Amino acid sequence: MGWFTITAMNTSAGKAIEIIFNGLKEKVPEHTTIIDLINRQNEHDVGLIVEHNNRFVYPQKYSTTVLSDGDKVEFINPDFGG
């Protein structure tokens, strides 16, 4: 939890919403998608697992899953190996 910090963003063009990202309250612009959040975090882990409101999100749904006020998002970076 709390692995990433959301960078400051200009929300003057639209309303900001508050989400819980990796256990921390964060503000993001309205209409933010999972892929927007991944890009904003420069997340490049090909094994990334995303949970949205305690449900697994398939990678093909990242660009169409729009966040709403109060949503919970977790990025999980599994460490495979022995």
C-alpha atoms as a PDB file:
ATOM      1  CA  MET A   1       0.000   0.000   0.000  1.00  0.00           C
ATOM      2  CA  GLY A   2       1.081   3.552  -0.671  1.00  0.00           C
ATOM      3  CA  TRP A   3       3.781   2.614  -3.203  1.00  0.00           C
ATOM      4  CA  PHE A   4       3.086   5.547  -5.481  1.00  0.00           C
ATOM      5  CA  THR A   5       2.395   9.227  -5.120  1.00  0.00           C
ATOM      6  CA  ILE A   6      -0.040  10.901  -7.466  1.00  0.00           C
ATOM      7  CA  THR A   7       1.648  13.937  -8.966  1.00  0.00           C
ATOM      8  CA  ALA A   8      -0.058  17.302  -8.773  1.00  0.00           C
ATOM      9  CA  MET A   9      -2.386  17.836 -11.689  1.00  0.00           C
ATOM     10  CA  ASN A  10      -4.299  20.763 -13.051  1.00  0.00           C
ATOM     11  CA  THR A  11      -7.990  20.162 -12.430  1.00  0.00           C
ATOM     12  CA  SER A  12      -9.107  23.641 -13.484  1.00  0.00           C
ATOM     13  CA  ALA A  13     -10.466  22.185 -16.723  1.00  0.00           C
ATOM     14  CA  GLY A  14     -12.791  19.888 -14.801  1.00  0.00           C
ATOM     15  CA  LYS A  15     -13.904  18.625 -11.458  1.00  0.00           C
ATOM     16  CA  ALA A  16     -11.603  16.506  -9.309  1.00  0.00           C
ATOM     17  CA  ILE A  17     -12.807  13.349  -7.614  1.00  0.00           C
ATOM     18  CA  GLU A  18     -11.328  11.596  -4.604  1.00  0.00           C
ATOM     19  CA  ILE A  19     -10.289   7.956  -4.801  1.00  0.00           C
ATOM     20  CA  ILE A  20      -8.460   5.588  -2.487  1.00  0.00           C
ATOM     21  CA  PHE A  21      -5.278   4.615  -4.337  1.00  0.00           C
ATOM     22  CA  ASN A  22      -3.156   1.936  -2.694  1.00  0.00           C
ATOM     23  CA  GLY A  23      -4.728   2.806   0.653  1.00  0.00           C
ATOM     24  CA  LEU A  24      -4.309   6.592   0.423  1.00  0.00           C
ATOM     25  CA  LYS A  25      -6.855   9.278  -0.428  1.00  0.00           C
ATOM     26  CA  GLU A  26      -5.915  10.970  -3.700  1.00  0.00           C
ATOM     27  CA  LYS A  27      -7.583  13.501  -5.987  1.00  0.00           C
ATOM     28  CA  VAL A  28      -7.731  12.782  -9.719  1.00  0.00           C
ATOM     29  CA  PRO A  29      -9.593  14.513 -12.552  1.00  0.00           C
ATOM     30  CA  GLU A  30     -13.131  13.402 -13.363  1.00  0.00           C
ATOM     31  CA  HIS A  31     -13.286  10.749 -16.094  1.00  0.00           C
ATOM     32  CA  THR A  32      -9.879   9.280 -15.160  1.00  0.00           C
ATOM     33  CA  THR A  33      -9.525   5.687 -16.360  1.00  0.00           C
ATOM     34  CA  ILE A  34      -7.337   2.894 -15.042  1.00  0.00           C
ATOM     35  CA  ILE A  35      -4.972   3.363 -17.999  1.00  0.00           C
ATOM     36  CA  ASP A  36      -4.723   7.090 -17.177  1.00  0.00           C
ATOM     37  CA  LEU A  37      -3.700   6.207 -13.624  1.00  0.00           C
ATOM     38  CA  ILE A  38      -1.176   3.625 -14.869  1.00  0.00           C
ATOM     39  CA  ASN A  39       0.348   6.163 -17.270  1.00  0.00           C
ATOM     40  CA  ARG A  40       0.407   8.903 -14.639  1.00  0.00           C
ATOM     41  CA  GLN A  41       2.369   6.571 -12.362  1.00  0.00           C
ATOM     42  CA  ASN A  42       4.797   5.521 -15.118  1.00  0.00           C
ATOM     43  CA  GLU A  43       3.920   1.944 -14.226  1.00  0.00           C
ATOM     44  CA  HIS A  44       5.720  -0.408 -16.613  1.00  0.00           C
ATOM     45  CA  ASP A  45       5.427  -3.742 -14.788  1.00  0.00           C
ATOM     46  CA  VAL A  46       4.021  -6.178 -17.372  1.00  0.00           C
ATOM     47  CA  GLY A  47       2.802  -8.353 -14.485  1.00  0.00           C
ATOM     48  CA  LEU A  48       0.807  -5.524 -12.892  1.00  0.00           C
ATOM     49  CA  ILE A  49      -2.459  -6.599 -11.287  1.00  0.00           C
ATOM     50  CA  VAL A  50      -5.159  -3.952 -10.822  1.00  0.00           C
ATOM     51  CA  GLU A  51      -8.082  -4.139  -8.404  1.00  0.00           C
ATOM     52  CA  HIS A  52     -10.965  -1.706  -8.704  1.00  0.00           C
ATOM     53  CA  ASN A  53     -13.378  -1.734  -5.769  1.00  0.00           C
ATOM     54  CA  ASN A  54     -11.963  -5.113  -4.665  1.00  0.00           C
ATOM     55  CA  ARG A  55     -12.455  -6.711  -8.088  1.00  0.00           C
ATOM     56  CA  PHE A  56      -9.796  -7.796 -10.569  1.00  0.00           C
ATOM     57  CA  VAL A  57      -9.662  -5.650 -13.727  1.00  0.00           C
ATOM     58  CA  TYR A  58      -8.653  -7.381 -16.947  1.00  0.00           C
ATOM     59  CA  PRO A  59      -5.989  -5.433 -18.870  1.00  0.00           C
ATOM     60  CA  GLN A  60      -8.273  -5.075 -21.895  1.00  0.00           C
ATOM     61  CA  LYS A  61     -10.683  -3.105 -19.645  1.00  0.00           C
ATOM     62  CA  TYR A  62      -8.085  -0.566 -18.393  1.00  0.00           C
ATOM     63  CA  SER A  63      -8.978   2.064 -20.991  1.00  0.00           C
ATOM     64  CA  THR A  64     -12.745   1.768 -20.480  1.00  0.00           C
ATOM     65  CA  THR A  65     -12.874   1.519 -16.679  1.00  0.00           C
ATOM     66  CA  VAL A  66     -13.694   5.064 -15.547  1.00  0.00           C
ATOM     67  CA  LEU A  67     -13.119   5.947 -11.904  1.00  0.00           C
ATOM     68  CA  SER A  68     -15.807   7.539  -9.745  1.00  0.00           C
ATOM     69  CA  ASP A  69     -15.664   9.499  -6.523  1.00  0.00           C
ATOM     70  CA  GLY A  70     -14.929   7.162  -3.613  1.00  0.00           C
ATOM     71  CA  ASP A  71     -13.566   4.289  -5.736  1.00  0.00           C
ATOM     72  CA  LYS A  72     -10.777   2.115  -4.386  1.00  0.00           C
ATOM     73  CA  VAL A  73      -7.898   1.216  -6.722  1.00  0.00           C
ATOM     74  CA  GLU A  74      -4.971  -1.053  -5.861  1.00  0.00           C
ATOM     75  CA  PHE A  75      -1.894  -1.683  -7.997  1.00  0.00           C
ATOM     76  CA  ILE A  76      -0.282  -4.996  -7.126  1.00  0.00           C
ATOM     77  CA  ASN A  77       3.201  -5.792  -8.364  1.00  0.00           C
ATOM     78  CA  PRO A  78       3.732  -9.523  -7.887  1.00  0.00           C
ATOM     79  CA  ASP A  79       7.286 -10.641  -7.297  1.00  0.00           C
ATOM     80  CA  PHE A  80       7.539 -13.940  -9.110  1.00  0.00           C
ATOM     81  CA  GLY A  81      10.496 -16.156  -8.565  1.00  0.00           C
ATOM     82  CA  GLY A  82      12.160 -18.400  -6.073  1.00  0.00           C
END
